[in-house]
């Protein structure tokens, strides 16, 4: 049996951060981000709001509040599967 490579928590965190930023980068221009409330904490651990802004995020809304601002042409939804 082949030895298993050690997986470090910071590797998982960095991968999640990179994937989130690549997702946002794939949507050109300004965008609103709509997330589940339960994701606010984990996302906050990955990136600061200022970083989200650098990737075009104008405002963040919670799905549960049903108050999505449609002022931006692009709206990105992020939810648990």
PDB file of N, CA and C in Angstrom:
ATOM      1  N   UNK A   1       0.839  -1.180   0.000  1.00  0.00           N
ATOM      2  CA  UNK A   1       0.000   0.000   0.000  1.00  0.00           C
ATOM      3  C   UNK A   1       0.889   1.251   0.000  1.00  0.00           C
ATOM      4  N   UNK A   2       0.559   2.210  -0.844  1.00  0.00           N
ATOM      5  CA  UNK A   2       1.347   3.437  -0.965  1.00  0.00           C
ATOM      6  C   UNK A   2       1.134   4.326   0.255  1.00  0.00           C
ATOM      7  N   UNK A   3       2.188   5.033   0.683  1.00  0.00           N
ATOM      8  CA  UNK A   3       2.035   5.942   1.827  1.00  0.00           C
ATOM      9  C   UNK A   3       1.138   7.125   1.457  1.00  0.00           C
ATOM     10  N   UNK A   4       0.407   7.606   2.433  1.00  0.00           N
ATOM     11  CA  UNK A   4      -0.491   8.742   2.221  1.00  0.00           C
ATOM     12  C   UNK A   4       0.252  10.045   2.497  1.00  0.00           C
ATOM     13  N   UNK A   5       0.039  11.011   1.633  1.00  0.00           N
ATOM     14  CA  UNK A   5       0.630  12.330   1.853  1.00  0.00           C
ATOM     15  C   UNK A   5      -0.131  13.017   2.978  1.00  0.00           C
ATOM     16  N   UNK A   6       0.588  13.730   3.800  1.00  0.00           N
ATOM     17  CA  UNK A   6      -0.038  14.447   4.908  1.00  0.00           C
ATOM     18  C   UNK A   6      -0.823  15.641   4.370  1.00  0.00           C
ATOM     19  N   UNK A   7      -2.059  15.769   4.816  1.00  0.00           N
ATOM     20  CA  UNK A   7      -2.889  16.907   4.428  1.00  0.00           C
ATOM     21  C   UNK A   7      -2.961  17.852   5.615  1.00  0.00           C
ATOM     22  N   UNK A   8      -2.527  19.070   5.396  1.00  0.00           N
ATOM     23  CA  UNK A   8      -2.511  20.067   6.468  1.00  0.00           C
ATOM     24  C   UNK A   8      -3.754  20.944   6.371  1.00  0.00           C
ATOM     25  N   UNK A   9      -4.315  21.348   7.509  1.00  0.00           N
ATOM     26  CA  UNK A   9      -5.499  22.223   7.485  1.00  0.00           C
ATOM     27  C   UNK A   9      -5.285  23.496   6.669  1.00  0.00           C
ATOM     28  N   UNK A  10      -4.099  24.073   6.745  1.00  0.00           N
ATOM     29  CA  UNK A  10      -3.849  25.309   5.995  1.00  0.00           C
ATOM     30  C   UNK A  10      -3.877  25.067   4.485  1.00  0.00           C
ATOM     31  N   UNK A  11      -3.560  23.837   4.053  1.00  0.00           N
ATOM     32  CA  UNK A  11      -3.651  23.506   2.627  1.00  0.00           C
ATOM     33  C   UNK A  11      -5.108  23.519   2.166  1.00  0.00           C
ATOM     34  N   UNK A  12      -5.990  22.982   3.001  1.00  0.00           N
ATOM     35  CA  UNK A  12      -7.416  22.967   2.675  1.00  0.00           C
ATOM     36  C   UNK A  12      -7.964  24.388   2.651  1.00  0.00           C
ATOM     37  N   UNK A  13      -7.563  25.184   3.637  1.00  0.00           N
ATOM     38  CA  UNK A  13      -8.008  26.578   3.710  1.00  0.00           C
ATOM     39  C   UNK A  13      -7.556  27.362   2.489  1.00  0.00           C
ATOM     40  N   UNK A  14      -6.305  27.199   2.114  1.00  0.00           N
ATOM     41  CA  UNK A  14      -5.768  27.930   0.957  1.00  0.00           C
ATOM     42  C   UNK A  14      -6.455  27.491  -0.333  1.00  0.00           C
ATOM     43  N   UNK A  15      -6.748  26.211  -0.455  1.00  0.00           N
ATOM     44  CA  UNK A  15      -7.442  25.708  -1.648  1.00  0.00           C
ATOM     45  C   UNK A  15      -8.849  26.299  -1.739  1.00  0.00           C
ATOM     46  N   UNK A  16      -9.561  26.334  -0.614  1.00  0.00           N
ATOM     47  CA  UNK A  16     -10.914  26.899  -0.595  1.00  0.00           C
ATOM     48  C   UNK A  16     -10.876  28.383  -0.940  1.00  0.00           C
ATOM     49  N   UNK A  17      -9.898  29.100  -0.405  1.00  0.00           N
ATOM     50  CA  UNK A  17      -9.744  30.537  -0.694  1.00  0.00           C
ATOM     51  C   UNK A  17      -9.491  30.753  -2.180  1.00  0.00           C
ATOM     52  N   UNK A  18      -8.564  29.984  -2.717  1.00  0.00           N
ATOM     53  CA  UNK A  18      -8.213  30.102  -4.135  1.00  0.00           C
ATOM     54  C   UNK A  18      -9.413  29.780  -5.029  1.00  0.00           C
ATOM     55  N   UNK A  19     -10.158  28.725  -4.683  1.00  0.00           N
ATOM     56  CA  UNK A  19     -11.333  28.348  -5.475  1.00  0.00           C
ATOM     57  C   UNK A  19     -12.403  29.436  -5.447  1.00  0.00           C
ATOM     58  N   UNK A  20     -12.636  30.025  -4.277  1.00  0.00           N
ATOM     59  CA  UNK A  20     -13.628  31.097  -4.162  1.00  0.00           C
ATOM     60  C   UNK A  20     -13.222  32.296  -5.012  1.00  0.00           C
ATOM     61  N   UNK A  21     -11.969  32.693  -4.927  1.00  0.00           N
ATOM     62  CA  UNK A  21     -11.517  33.858  -5.687  1.00  0.00           C
ATOM     63  C   UNK A  21     -11.526  33.582  -7.192  1.00  0.00           C
ATOM     64  N   UNK A  22     -11.220  32.362  -7.596  1.00  0.00           N
ATOM     65  CA  UNK A  22     -11.295  32.012  -9.019  1.00  0.00           C
ATOM     66  C   UNK A  22     -12.733  32.056  -9.517  1.00  0.00           C
ATOM     67  N   UNK A  23     -13.655  31.602  -8.682  1.00  0.00           N
ATOM     68  CA  UNK A  23     -15.075  31.669  -9.037  1.00  0.00           C
ATOM     69  C   UNK A  23     -15.488  33.118  -9.265  1.00  0.00           C
ATOM     70  N   UNK A  24     -15.115  33.991  -8.350  1.00  0.00           N
ATOM     71  CA  UNK A  24     -15.481  35.406  -8.473  1.00  0.00           C
ATOM     72  C   UNK A  24     -14.798  36.052  -9.674  1.00  0.00           C
ATOM     73  N   UNK A  25     -13.565  35.671  -9.917  1.00  0.00           N
ATOM     74  CA  UNK A  25     -12.817  36.217 -11.050  1.00  0.00           C
ATOM     75  C   UNK A  25     -13.454  35.807 -12.378  1.00  0.00           C
ATOM     76  N   UNK A  26     -14.131  34.670 -12.391  1.00  0.00           N
ATOM     77  CA  UNK A  26     -14.778  34.174 -13.601  1.00  0.00           C
ATOM     78  C   UNK A  26     -16.041  34.928 -13.980  1.00  0.00           C
ATOM     79  N   UNK A  27     -16.518  35.769 -13.081  1.00  0.00           N
ATOM     80  CA  UNK A  27     -17.700  36.595 -13.357  1.00  0.00           C
ATOM     81  C   UNK A  27     -17.198  38.030 -13.522  1.00  0.00           C
ATOM     82  N   UNK A  28     -17.126  38.518 -14.753  1.00  0.00           N
ATOM     83  CA  UNK A  28     -16.527  39.831 -14.990  1.00  0.00           C
ATOM     84  C   UNK A  28     -17.348  40.982 -14.414  1.00  0.00           C
ATOM     85  N   UNK A  29     -16.649  42.036 -14.032  1.00  0.00           N
ATOM     86  CA  UNK A  29     -17.310  43.257 -13.572  1.00  0.00           C
ATOM     87  C   UNK A  29     -17.788  43.187 -12.135  1.00  0.00           C
ATOM     88  N   UNK A  30     -18.560  44.216 -11.779  1.00  0.00           N
ATOM     89  CA  UNK A  30     -19.135  44.296 -10.430  1.00  0.00           C
ATOM     90  C   UNK A  30     -20.184  43.215 -10.255  1.00  0.00           C
ATOM     91  N   UNK A  31     -20.314  42.744  -9.013  1.00  0.00           N
ATOM     92  CA  UNK A  31     -21.278  41.687  -8.733  1.00  0.00           C
ATOM     93  C   UNK A  31     -21.730  41.763  -7.288  1.00  0.00           C
ATOM     94  N   UNK A  32     -22.936  41.279  -7.039  1.00  0.00           N
ATOM     95  CA  UNK A  32     -23.417  41.091  -5.684  1.00  0.00           C
ATOM     96  C   UNK A  32     -23.253  39.622  -5.348  1.00  0.00           C
ATOM     97  N   UNK A  33     -22.913  39.353  -4.096  1.00  0.00           N
ATOM     98  CA  UNK A  33     -22.717  37.988  -3.630  1.00  0.00           C
ATOM     99  C   UNK A  33     -23.849  37.645  -2.677  1.00  0.00           C
ATOM    100  N   UNK A  34     -24.551  36.549  -2.959  1.00  0.00           N
ATOM    101  CA  UNK A  34     -25.657  36.096  -2.119  1.00  0.00           C
ATOM    102  C   UNK A  34     -25.246  34.763  -1.507  1.00  0.00           C
ATOM    103  N   UNK A  35     -25.199  34.719  -0.170  1.00  0.00           N
ATOM    104  CA  UNK A  35     -24.735  33.518   0.523  1.00  0.00           C
ATOM    105  C   UNK A  35     -25.739  33.074   1.582  1.00  0.00           C
ATOM    106  N   UNK A  36     -25.618  31.827   1.993  1.00  0.00           N
ATOM    107  CA  UNK A  36     -26.374  31.350   3.143  1.00  0.00           C
ATOM    108  C   UNK A  36     -25.731  31.946   4.398  1.00  0.00           C
ATOM    109  N   UNK A  37     -26.534  32.266   5.390  1.00  0.00           N
ATOM    110  CA  UNK A  37     -25.995  32.828   6.637  1.00  0.00           C
ATOM    111  C   UNK A  37     -24.936  31.920   7.248  1.00  0.00           C
ATOM    112  N   UNK A  38     -25.149  30.619   7.134  1.00  0.00           N
ATOM    113  CA  UNK A  38     -24.208  29.668   7.736  1.00  0.00           C
ATOM    114  C   UNK A  38     -22.827  29.707   7.084  1.00  0.00           C
ATOM    115  N   UNK A  39     -22.712  30.325   5.914  1.00  0.00           N
ATOM    116  CA  UNK A  39     -21.421  30.428   5.231  1.00  0.00           C
ATOM    117  C   UNK A  39     -20.676  31.716   5.558  1.00  0.00           C
ATOM    118  N   UNK A  40     -21.328  32.652   6.222  1.00  0.00           N
ATOM    119  CA  UNK A  40     -20.701  33.947   6.511  1.00  0.00           C
ATOM    120  C   UNK A  40     -19.427  33.779   7.335  1.00  0.00           C
ATOM    121  N   UNK A  41     -19.484  32.973   8.374  1.00  0.00           N
ATOM    122  CA  UNK A  41     -18.306  32.749   9.219  1.00  0.00           C
ATOM    123  C   UNK A  41     -17.164  32.084   8.474  1.00  0.00           C
ATOM    124  N   UNK A  42     -17.429  30.947   7.826  1.00  0.00           N
ATOM    125  CA  UNK A  42     -16.354  30.288   7.084  1.00  0.00           C
ATOM    126  C   UNK A  42     -15.749  31.161   5.975  1.00  0.00           C
ATOM    127  N   UNK A  43     -16.585  31.897   5.261  1.00  0.00           N
ATOM    128  CA  UNK A  43     -16.056  32.772   4.209  1.00  0.00           C
ATOM    129  C   UNK A  43     -15.209  33.876   4.831  1.00  0.00           C
ATOM    130  N   UNK A  44     -15.671  34.401   5.969  1.00  0.00           N
ATOM    131  CA  UNK A  44     -14.911  35.434   6.670  1.00  0.00           C
ATOM    132  C   UNK A  44     -13.547  34.952   7.131  1.00  0.00           C
ATOM    133  N   UNK A  45     -13.419  33.660   7.393  1.00  0.00           N
ATOM    134  CA  UNK A  45     -12.119  33.103   7.766  1.00  0.00           C
ATOM    135  C   UNK A  45     -11.198  32.963   6.556  1.00  0.00           C
ATOM    136  N   UNK A  46     -11.786  32.844   5.373  1.00  0.00           N
ATOM    137  CA  UNK A  46     -10.997  32.669   4.154  1.00  0.00           C
ATOM    138  C   UNK A  46     -10.515  33.989   3.574  1.00  0.00           C
ATOM    139  N   UNK A  47     -11.407  34.973   3.505  1.00  0.00           N
ATOM    140  CA  UNK A  47     -11.080  36.250   2.863  1.00  0.00           C
ATOM    141  C   UNK A  47     -11.726  37.414   3.599  1.00  0.00           C
ATOM    142  N   UNK A  48     -11.062  38.550   3.546  1.00  0.00           N
ATOM    143  CA  UNK A  48     -11.635  39.782   4.092  1.00  0.00           C
ATOM    144  C   UNK A  48     -12.570  40.387   3.047  1.00  0.00           C
ATOM    145  N   UNK A  49     -13.494  41.222   3.513  1.00  0.00           N
ATOM    146  CA  UNK A  49     -14.415  41.866   2.576  1.00  0.00           C
ATOM    147  C   UNK A  49     -13.653  42.717   1.567  1.00  0.00           C
ATOM    148  N   UNK A  50     -12.566  43.332   2.003  1.00  0.00           N
ATOM    149  CA  UNK A  50     -11.775  44.156   1.078  1.00  0.00           C
ATOM    150  C   UNK A  50     -11.217  43.311  -0.071  1.00  0.00           C
ATOM    151  N   UNK A  51     -10.891  42.064   0.203  1.00  0.00           N
ATOM    152  CA  UNK A  51     -10.419  41.168  -0.858  1.00  0.00           C
ATOM    153  C   UNK A  51     -11.556  40.827  -1.808  1.00  0.00           C
ATOM    154  N   UNK A  52     -12.744  40.578  -1.247  1.00  0.00           N
ATOM    155  CA  UNK A  52     -13.913  40.325  -2.101  1.00  0.00           C
ATOM    156  C   UNK A  52     -14.159  41.525  -3.014  1.00  0.00           C
ATOM    157  N   UNK A  53     -13.999  42.719  -2.467  1.00  0.00           N
ATOM    158  CA  UNK A  53     -14.187  43.935  -3.270  1.00  0.00           C
ATOM    159  C   UNK A  53     -13.172  44.002  -4.403  1.00  0.00           C
ATOM    160  N   UNK A  54     -11.945  43.591  -4.140  1.00  0.00           N
ATOM    161  CA  UNK A  54     -10.916  43.572  -5.184  1.00  0.00           C
ATOM    162  C   UNK A  54     -11.311  42.645  -6.334  1.00  0.00           C
ATOM    163  N   UNK A  55     -12.127  41.650  -6.040  1.00  0.00           N
ATOM    164  CA  UNK A  55     -12.593  40.703  -7.052  1.00  0.00           C
ATOM    165  C   UNK A  55     -13.975  41.066  -7.582  1.00  0.00           C
ATOM    166  N   UNK A  56     -14.402  42.300  -7.329  1.00  0.00           N
ATOM    167  CA  UNK A  56     -15.616  42.812  -7.944  1.00  0.00           C
ATOM    168  C   UNK A  56     -16.880  42.739  -7.122  1.00  0.00           C
ATOM    169  N   UNK A  57     -16.811  42.200  -5.897  1.00  0.00           N
ATOM    170  CA  UNK A  57     -18.015  42.102  -5.070  1.00  0.00           C
ATOM    171  C   UNK A  57     -18.378  43.489  -4.550  1.00  0.00           C
ATOM    172  N   UNK A  58     -19.600  43.907  -4.849  1.00  0.00           N
ATOM    173  CA  UNK A  58     -20.091  45.208  -4.406  1.00  0.00           C
ATOM    174  C   UNK A  58     -20.775  45.088  -3.049  1.00  0.00           C
ATOM    175  N   UNK A  59     -21.706  44.129  -2.944  1.00  0.00           N
ATOM    176  CA  UNK A  59     -22.456  43.931  -1.703  1.00  0.00           C
ATOM    177  C   UNK A  59     -22.653  42.439  -1.468  1.00  0.00           C
ATOM    178  N   UNK A  60     -22.857  42.096  -0.181  1.00  0.00           N
ATOM    179  CA  UNK A  60     -23.135  40.712   0.195  1.00  0.00           C
ATOM    180  C   UNK A  60     -24.515  40.658   0.838  1.00  0.00           C
ATOM    181  N   UNK A  61     -25.306  39.668   0.427  1.00  0.00           N
ATOM    182  CA  UNK A  61     -26.657  39.481   0.962  1.00  0.00           C
ATOM    183  C   UNK A  61     -26.807  38.047   1.438  1.00  0.00           C
ATOM    184  N   UNK A  62     -27.762  37.848   2.351  1.00  0.00           N
ATOM    185  CA  UNK A  62     -28.087  36.503   2.824  1.00  0.00           C
ATOM    186  C   UNK A  62     -29.313  35.987   2.091  1.00  0.00           C
ATOM    187  N   UNK A  63     -29.236  34.758   1.609  1.00  0.00           N
ATOM    188  CA  UNK A  63     -30.356  34.119   0.928  1.00  0.00           C
ATOM    189  C   UNK A  63     -31.598  34.142   1.813  1.00  0.00           C
ATOM    190  N   UNK A  64     -31.414  33.860   3.090  1.00  0.00           N
ATOM    191  CA  UNK A  64     -32.538  33.733   4.012  1.00  0.00           C
ATOM    192  C   UNK A  64     -33.335  35.026   4.171  1.00  0.00           C
ATOM    193  N   UNK A  65     -32.701  36.170   3.950  1.00  0.00           N
ATOM    194  CA  UNK A  65     -33.393  37.458   4.112  1.00  0.00           C
ATOM    195  C   UNK A  65     -34.270  37.815   2.916  1.00  0.00           C
ATOM    196  N   UNK A  66     -34.054  37.142   1.800  1.00  0.00           N
ATOM    197  CA  UNK A  66     -34.837  37.383   0.576  1.00  0.00           C
ATOM    198  C   UNK A  66     -34.869  38.860   0.177  1.00  0.00           C
ATOM    199  N   UNK A  67     -33.754  39.521   0.330  1.00  0.00           N
ATOM    200  CA  UNK A  67     -33.679  40.940  -0.010  1.00  0.00           C
ATOM    201  C   UNK A  67     -32.539  41.216  -0.989  1.00  0.00           C
ATOM    202  N   UNK A  68     -32.395  40.364  -1.966  1.00  0.00           N
ATOM    203  CA  UNK A  68     -31.302  40.506  -2.924  1.00  0.00           C
ATOM    204  C   UNK A  68     -31.452  41.799  -3.705  1.00  0.00           C
ATOM    205  N   UNK A  69     -30.407  42.584  -3.682  1.00  0.00           N
ATOM    206  CA  UNK A  69     -30.365  43.839  -4.431  1.00  0.00           C
ATOM    207  C   UNK A  69     -30.001  43.499  -5.871  1.00  0.00           C
ATOM    208  N   UNK A  70     -30.876  43.821  -6.782  1.00  0.00           N
ATOM    209  CA  UNK A  70     -30.642  43.502  -8.192  1.00  0.00           C
ATOM    210  C   UNK A  70     -30.046  44.678  -8.955  1.00  0.00           C
ATOM    211  N   UNK A  71     -29.401  45.592  -8.226  1.00  0.00           N
ATOM    212  CA  UNK A  71     -28.812  46.757  -8.880  1.00  0.00           C
ATOM    213  C   UNK A  71     -27.599  46.376  -9.733  1.00  0.00           C
ATOM    214  N   UNK A  72     -26.964  45.255  -9.426  1.00  0.00           N
ATOM    215  CA  UNK A  72     -25.836  44.785 -10.226  1.00  0.00           C
ATOM    216  C   UNK A  72     -26.337  43.796 -11.268  1.00  0.00           C
ATOM    217  N   UNK A  73     -25.727  43.841 -12.414  1.00  0.00           N
ATOM    218  CA  UNK A  73     -26.096  42.903 -13.485  1.00  0.00           C
ATOM    219  C   UNK A  73     -25.728  41.474 -13.098  1.00  0.00           C
ATOM    220  N   UNK A  74     -24.607  41.332 -12.407  1.00  0.00           N
ATOM    221  CA  UNK A  74     -24.109  40.013 -12.027  1.00  0.00           C
ATOM    222  C   UNK A  74     -24.425  39.721 -10.567  1.00  0.00           C
ATOM    223  N   UNK A  75     -25.033  38.572 -10.331  1.00  0.00           N
ATOM    224  CA  UNK A  75     -25.334  38.126  -8.976  1.00  0.00           C
ATOM    225  C   UNK A  75     -24.788  36.710  -8.837  1.00  0.00           C
ATOM    226  N   UNK A  76     -23.930  36.506  -7.842  1.00  0.00           N
ATOM    227  CA  UNK A  76     -23.331  35.201  -7.598  1.00  0.00           C
ATOM    228  C   UNK A  76     -23.958  34.620  -6.336  1.00  0.00           C
ATOM    229  N   UNK A  77     -24.524  33.418  -6.458  1.00  0.00           N
ATOM    230  CA  UNK A  77     -25.108  32.719  -5.318  1.00  0.00           C
ATOM    231  C   UNK A  77     -24.121  31.667  -4.835  1.00  0.00           C
ATOM    232  N   UNK A  78     -23.952  31.595  -3.522  1.00  0.00           N
ATOM    233  CA  UNK A  78     -23.058  30.603  -2.934  1.00  0.00           C
ATOM    234  C   UNK A  78     -23.804  29.920  -1.798  1.00  0.00           C
ATOM    235  N   UNK A  79     -24.021  28.597  -1.948  1.00  0.00           N
ATOM    236  CA  UNK A  79     -24.793  27.848  -0.954  1.00  0.00           C
ATOM    237  C   UNK A  79     -24.168  26.471  -0.762  1.00  0.00           C
ATOM    238  N   UNK A  80     -24.483  25.862   0.348  1.00  0.00           N
ATOM    239  CA  UNK A  80     -24.016  24.491   0.599  1.00  0.00           C
ATOM    240  C   UNK A  80     -24.814  23.530  -0.266  1.00  0.00           C
ATOM    241  N   UNK A  81     -24.164  22.481  -0.714  1.00  0.00           N
ATOM    242  CA  UNK A  81     -24.824  21.499  -1.570  1.00  0.00           C
ATOM    243  C   UNK A  81     -25.433  20.366  -0.793  1.00  0.00           C
TER     244      UNK A  81
END
